[in-house]
Amino acid sequence: MQLSNFLELEQADTLKNVKKVQNVVSTEQSYLDNMVQDWACWDDTYRFIEDRNQG
């Protein structure tokens, strides 16, 4: 009986920790998506200045 309760608590704790990790990964992914979009605009601008859109 006590082992069963311990296993349930351990499973609940593991699930809580997995959800925390998923939230952190999701937050970082959103941050990186925004950063990459910003860099892409600068890359396009730089490329235009270099070749005046001739390539």
PDB file of N, CA and C in Angstrom:
ATOM      1  N   MET A   1       0.826  -1.202   0.000  1.00  0.00           N
ATOM      2  CA  MET A   1       0.000   0.000   0.000  1.00  0.00           C
ATOM      3  C   MET A   1       0.862   1.254   0.000  1.00  0.00           C
ATOM      4  N   GLN A   2       1.846   1.296   0.859  1.00  0.00           N
ATOM      5  CA  GLN A   2       2.705   2.469   0.962  1.00  0.00           C
ATOM      6  C   GLN A   2       3.550   2.633  -0.308  1.00  0.00           C
ATOM      7  N   LEU A   3       4.006   1.521  -0.897  1.00  0.00           N
ATOM      8  CA  LEU A   3       4.780   1.572  -2.136  1.00  0.00           C
ATOM      9  C   LEU A   3       3.932   2.143  -3.268  1.00  0.00           C
ATOM     10  N   SER A   4       2.680   1.765  -3.326  1.00  0.00           N
ATOM     11  CA  SER A   4       1.774   2.271  -4.351  1.00  0.00           C
ATOM     12  C   SER A   4       1.607   3.779  -4.236  1.00  0.00           C
ATOM     13  N   ASN A   5       1.424   4.273  -3.018  1.00  0.00           N
ATOM     14  CA  ASN A   5       1.298   5.721  -2.801  1.00  0.00           C
ATOM     15  C   ASN A   5       2.568   6.458  -3.193  1.00  0.00           C
ATOM     16  N   PHE A   6       3.712   5.870  -2.857  1.00  0.00           N
ATOM     17  CA  PHE A   6       4.991   6.475  -3.217  1.00  0.00           C
ATOM     18  C   PHE A   6       5.142   6.550  -4.734  1.00  0.00           C
ATOM     19  N   LEU A   7       4.781   5.505  -5.431  1.00  0.00           N
ATOM     20  CA  LEU A   7       4.872   5.487  -6.890  1.00  0.00           C
ATOM     21  C   LEU A   7       3.948   6.534  -7.515  1.00  0.00           C
ATOM     22  N   GLU A   8       2.763   6.694  -6.968  1.00  0.00           N
ATOM     23  CA  GLU A   8       1.837   7.710  -7.468  1.00  0.00           C
ATOM     24  C   GLU A   8       2.398   9.120  -7.265  1.00  0.00           C
ATOM     25  N   LEU A   9       2.974   9.370  -6.089  1.00  0.00           N
ATOM     26  CA  LEU A   9       3.582  10.671  -5.818  1.00  0.00           C
ATOM     27  C   LEU A   9       4.769  10.924  -6.749  1.00  0.00           C
ATOM     28  N   GLU A  10       5.567   9.909  -6.958  1.00  0.00           N
ATOM     29  CA  GLU A  10       6.729  10.040  -7.839  1.00  0.00           C
ATOM     30  C   GLU A  10       6.284  10.310  -9.281  1.00  0.00           C
ATOM     31  N   GLN A  11       5.242   9.639  -9.713  1.00  0.00           N
ATOM     32  CA  GLN A  11       4.725   9.849 -11.065  1.00  0.00           C
ATOM     33  C   GLN A  11       4.171  11.270 -11.207  1.00  0.00           C
ATOM     34  N   ALA A  12       3.443  11.740 -10.213  1.00  0.00           N
ATOM     35  CA  ALA A  12       2.885  13.091 -10.248  1.00  0.00           C
ATOM     36  C   ALA A  12       4.003  14.135 -10.269  1.00  0.00           C
ATOM     37  N   ASP A  13       5.046  13.905  -9.484  1.00  0.00           N
ATOM     38  CA  ASP A  13       6.182  14.828  -9.449  1.00  0.00           C
ATOM     39  C   ASP A  13       6.910  14.842 -10.795  1.00  0.00           C
ATOM     40  N   THR A  14       7.076  13.683 -11.384  1.00  0.00           N
ATOM     41  CA  THR A  14       7.728  13.587 -12.690  1.00  0.00           C
ATOM     42  C   THR A  14       6.910  14.306 -13.748  1.00  0.00           C
ATOM     43  N   LEU A  15       5.615  14.132 -13.738  1.00  0.00           N
ATOM     44  CA  LEU A  15       4.738  14.807 -14.692  1.00  0.00           C
ATOM     45  C   LEU A  15       4.824  16.327 -14.535  1.00  0.00           C
ATOM     46  N   LYS A  16       4.867  16.793 -13.294  1.00  0.00           N
ATOM     47  CA  LYS A  16       4.986  18.228 -13.024  1.00  0.00           C
ATOM     48  C   LYS A  16       6.304  18.761 -13.575  1.00  0.00           C
ATOM     49  N   ASN A  17       7.387  18.020 -13.382  1.00  0.00           N
ATOM     50  CA  ASN A  17       8.697  18.449 -13.877  1.00  0.00           C
ATOM     51  C   ASN A  17       8.751  18.435 -15.402  1.00  0.00           C
ATOM     52  N   VAL A  18       8.124  17.463 -16.024  1.00  0.00           N
ATOM     53  CA  VAL A  18       8.088  17.408 -17.490  1.00  0.00           C
ATOM     54  C   VAL A  18       7.336  18.624 -18.033  1.00  0.00           C
ATOM     55  N   LYS A  19       6.250  18.979 -17.404  1.00  0.00           N
ATOM     56  CA  LYS A  19       5.485  20.153 -17.843  1.00  0.00           C
ATOM     57  C   LYS A  19       6.312  21.431 -17.698  1.00  0.00           C
ATOM     58  N   LYS A  20       7.089  21.536 -16.628  1.00  0.00           N
ATOM     59  CA  LYS A  20       7.969  22.691 -16.449  1.00  0.00           C
ATOM     60  C   LYS A  20       8.982  22.777 -17.586  1.00  0.00           C
ATOM     61  N   VAL A  21       9.578  21.646 -17.922  1.00  0.00           N
ATOM     62  CA  VAL A  21      10.562  21.612 -19.007  1.00  0.00           C
ATOM     63  C   VAL A  21       9.902  21.986 -20.331  1.00  0.00           C
ATOM     64  N   GLN A  22       8.706  21.477 -20.579  1.00  0.00           N
ATOM     65  CA  GLN A  22       7.998  21.812 -21.814  1.00  0.00           C
ATOM     66  C   GLN A  22       7.731  23.314 -21.893  1.00  0.00           C
ATOM     67  N   ASN A  23       7.365  23.918 -20.790  1.00  0.00           N
ATOM     68  CA  ASN A  23       7.109  25.362 -20.767  1.00  0.00           C
ATOM     69  C   ASN A  23       8.384  26.155 -21.058  1.00  0.00           C
ATOM     70  N   VAL A  24       9.491  25.737 -20.472  1.00  0.00           N
ATOM     71  CA  VAL A  24      10.761  26.424 -20.708  1.00  0.00           C
ATOM     72  C   VAL A  24      11.164  26.296 -22.179  1.00  0.00           C
ATOM     73  N   VAL A  25      11.042  25.109 -22.740  1.00  0.00           N
ATOM     74  CA  VAL A  25      11.398  24.892 -24.146  1.00  0.00           C
ATOM     75  C   VAL A  25      10.493  25.727 -25.050  1.00  0.00           C
ATOM     76  N   SER A  26       9.222  25.763 -24.756  1.00  0.00           N
ATOM     77  CA  SER A  26       8.280  26.551 -25.557  1.00  0.00           C
ATOM     78  C   SER A  26       8.611  28.039 -25.494  1.00  0.00           C
ATOM     79  N   THR A  27       8.938  28.530 -24.319  1.00  0.00           N
ATOM     80  CA  THR A  27       9.300  29.938 -24.152  1.00  0.00           C
ATOM     81  C   THR A  27      10.571  30.266 -24.935  1.00  0.00           C
ATOM     82  N   GLU A  28      11.565  29.402 -24.842  1.00  0.00           N
ATOM     83  CA  GLU A  28      12.812  29.609 -25.574  1.00  0.00           C
ATOM     84  C   GLU A  28      12.584  29.547 -27.082  1.00  0.00           C
ATOM     85  N   GLN A  29      11.728  28.659 -27.525  1.00  0.00           N
ATOM     86  CA  GLN A  29      11.424  28.543 -28.945  1.00  0.00           C
ATOM     87  C   GLN A  29      10.770  29.831 -29.458  1.00  0.00           C
ATOM     88  N   SER A  30       9.853  30.380 -28.698  1.00  0.00           N
ATOM     89  CA  SER A  30       9.208  31.641 -29.082  1.00  0.00           C
ATOM     90  C   SER A  30      10.232  32.767 -29.158  1.00  0.00           C
ATOM     91  N   TYR A  31      11.125  32.823 -28.185  1.00  0.00           N
ATOM     92  CA  TYR A  31      12.171  33.844 -28.175  1.00  0.00           C
ATOM     93  C   TYR A  31      13.065  33.705 -29.404  1.00  0.00           C
ATOM     94  N   LEU A  32      13.476  32.487 -29.708  1.00  0.00           N
ATOM     95  CA  LEU A  32      14.343  32.269 -30.861  1.00  0.00           C
ATOM     96  C   LEU A  32      13.621  32.553 -32.173  1.00  0.00           C
ATOM     97  N   ASP A  33      12.349  32.211 -32.271  1.00  0.00           N
ATOM     98  CA  ASP A  33      11.570  32.521 -33.477  1.00  0.00           C
ATOM     99  C   ASP A  33      11.554  34.026 -33.735  1.00  0.00           C
ATOM    100  N   ASN A  34      11.320  34.798 -32.694  1.00  0.00           N
ATOM    101  CA  ASN A  34      11.305  36.255 -32.849  1.00  0.00           C
ATOM    102  C   ASN A  34      12.667  36.790 -33.249  1.00  0.00           C
ATOM    103  N   MET A  35      13.719  36.275 -32.641  1.00  0.00           N
ATOM    104  CA  MET A  35      15.066  36.727 -32.954  1.00  0.00           C
ATOM    105  C   MET A  35      15.442  36.386 -34.401  1.00  0.00           C
ATOM    106  N   VAL A  36      15.112  35.193 -34.838  1.00  0.00           N
ATOM    107  CA  VAL A  36      15.449  34.763 -36.189  1.00  0.00           C
ATOM    108  C   VAL A  36      14.697  35.600 -37.223  1.00  0.00           C
ATOM    109  N   GLN A  37      13.447  35.908 -36.950  1.00  0.00           N
ATOM    110  CA  GLN A  37      12.687  36.753 -37.875  1.00  0.00           C
ATOM    111  C   GLN A  37      13.330  38.132 -37.991  1.00  0.00           C
ATOM    112  N   ASP A  38      13.777  38.678 -36.878  1.00  0.00           N
ATOM    113  CA  ASP A  38      14.431  39.977 -36.890  1.00  0.00           C
ATOM    114  C   ASP A  38      15.729  39.912 -37.691  1.00  0.00           C
ATOM    115  N   TRP A  39      16.517  38.878 -37.454  1.00  0.00           N
ATOM    116  CA  TRP A  39      17.780  38.734 -38.183  1.00  0.00           C
ATOM    117  C   TRP A  39      17.535  38.547 -39.675  1.00  0.00           C
ATOM    118  N   ALA A  40      16.486  37.843 -40.053  1.00  0.00           N
ATOM    119  CA  ALA A  40      16.197  37.598 -41.471  1.00  0.00           C
ATOM    120  C   ALA A  40      15.950  38.925 -42.184  1.00  0.00           C
ATOM    121  N   CYS A  41      15.257  39.838 -41.545  1.00  0.00           N
ATOM    122  CA  CYS A  41      15.016  41.153 -42.156  1.00  0.00           C
ATOM    123  C   CYS A  41      16.326  41.894 -42.365  1.00  0.00           C
ATOM    124  N   TRP A  42      17.205  41.843 -41.377  1.00  0.00           N
ATOM    125  CA  TRP A  42      18.501  42.510 -41.511  1.00  0.00           C
ATOM    126  C   TRP A  42      19.336  41.839 -42.593  1.00  0.00           C
ATOM    127  N   ASP A  43      19.277  40.518 -42.686  1.00  0.00           N
ATOM    128  CA  ASP A  43      20.018  39.809 -43.732  1.00  0.00           C
ATOM    129  C   ASP A  43      19.551  40.241 -45.112  1.00  0.00           C
ATOM    130  N   ASP A  44      18.238  40.366 -45.299  1.00  0.00           N
ATOM    131  CA  ASP A  44      17.698  40.806 -46.583  1.00  0.00           C
ATOM    132  C   ASP A  44      18.149  42.222 -46.907  1.00  0.00           C
ATOM    133  N   THR A  45      18.131  43.092 -45.922  1.00  0.00           N
ATOM    134  CA  THR A  45      18.555  44.473 -46.127  1.00  0.00           C
ATOM    135  C   THR A  45      20.030  44.527 -46.506  1.00  0.00           C
ATOM    136  N   TYR A  46      20.853  43.798 -45.794  1.00  0.00           N
ATOM    137  CA  TYR A  46      22.290  43.769 -46.075  1.00  0.00           C
ATOM    138  C   TYR A  46      22.546  43.228 -47.480  1.00  0.00           C
ATOM    139  N   ARG A  47      21.851  42.163 -47.840  1.00  0.00           N
ATOM    140  CA  ARG A  47      22.029  41.571 -49.168  1.00  0.00           C
ATOM    141  C   ARG A  47      21.641  42.582 -50.255  1.00  0.00           C
ATOM    142  N   PHE A  48      20.566  43.334 -50.052  1.00  0.00           N
ATOM    143  CA  PHE A  48      20.138  44.345 -51.018  1.00  0.00           C
ATOM    144  C   PHE A  48      21.192  45.441 -51.164  1.00  0.00           C
ATOM    145  N   ILE A  49      21.753  45.884 -50.047  1.00  0.00           N
ATOM    146  CA  ILE A  49      22.775  46.921 -50.103  1.00  0.00           C
ATOM    147  C   ILE A  49      24.007  46.425 -50.851  1.00  0.00           C
ATOM    148  N   GLU A  50      24.359  45.185 -50.667  1.00  0.00           N
ATOM    149  CA  GLU A  50      25.544  44.623 -51.316  1.00  0.00           C
ATOM    150  C   GLU A  50      25.356  44.443 -52.824  1.00  0.00           C
ATOM    151  N   ASP A  51      24.223  43.911 -53.280  1.00  0.00           N
ATOM    152  CA  ASP A  51      24.101  43.565 -54.696  1.00  0.00           C
ATOM    153  C   ASP A  51      22.980  44.329 -55.430  1.00  0.00           C
ATOM    154  N   ARG A  52      22.313  45.232 -54.734  1.00  0.00           N
ATOM    155  CA  ARG A  52      21.220  46.019 -55.325  1.00  0.00           C
ATOM    156  C   ARG A  52      20.183  45.140 -56.013  1.00  0.00           C
ATOM    157  N   ASN A  53      19.995  43.939 -55.467  1.00  0.00           N
ATOM    158  CA  ASN A  53      18.986  43.006 -55.938  1.00  0.00           C
ATOM    159  C   ASN A  53      19.261  42.512 -57.365  1.00  0.00           C
ATOM    160  N   GLN A  54      20.519  42.384 -57.734  1.00  0.00           N
ATOM    161  CA  GLN A  54      20.880  41.952 -59.068  1.00  0.00           C
ATOM    162  C   GLN A  54      21.149  40.449 -59.163  1.00  0.00           C
ATOM    163  N   GLY A  55      20.983  39.744 -58.081  1.00  0.00           N
ATOM    164  CA  GLY A  55      21.321  38.333 -58.130  1.00  0.00           C
ATOM    165  C   GLY A  55      20.242  37.498 -57.741  1.00  0.00           C
TER     166      GLY A  55
END
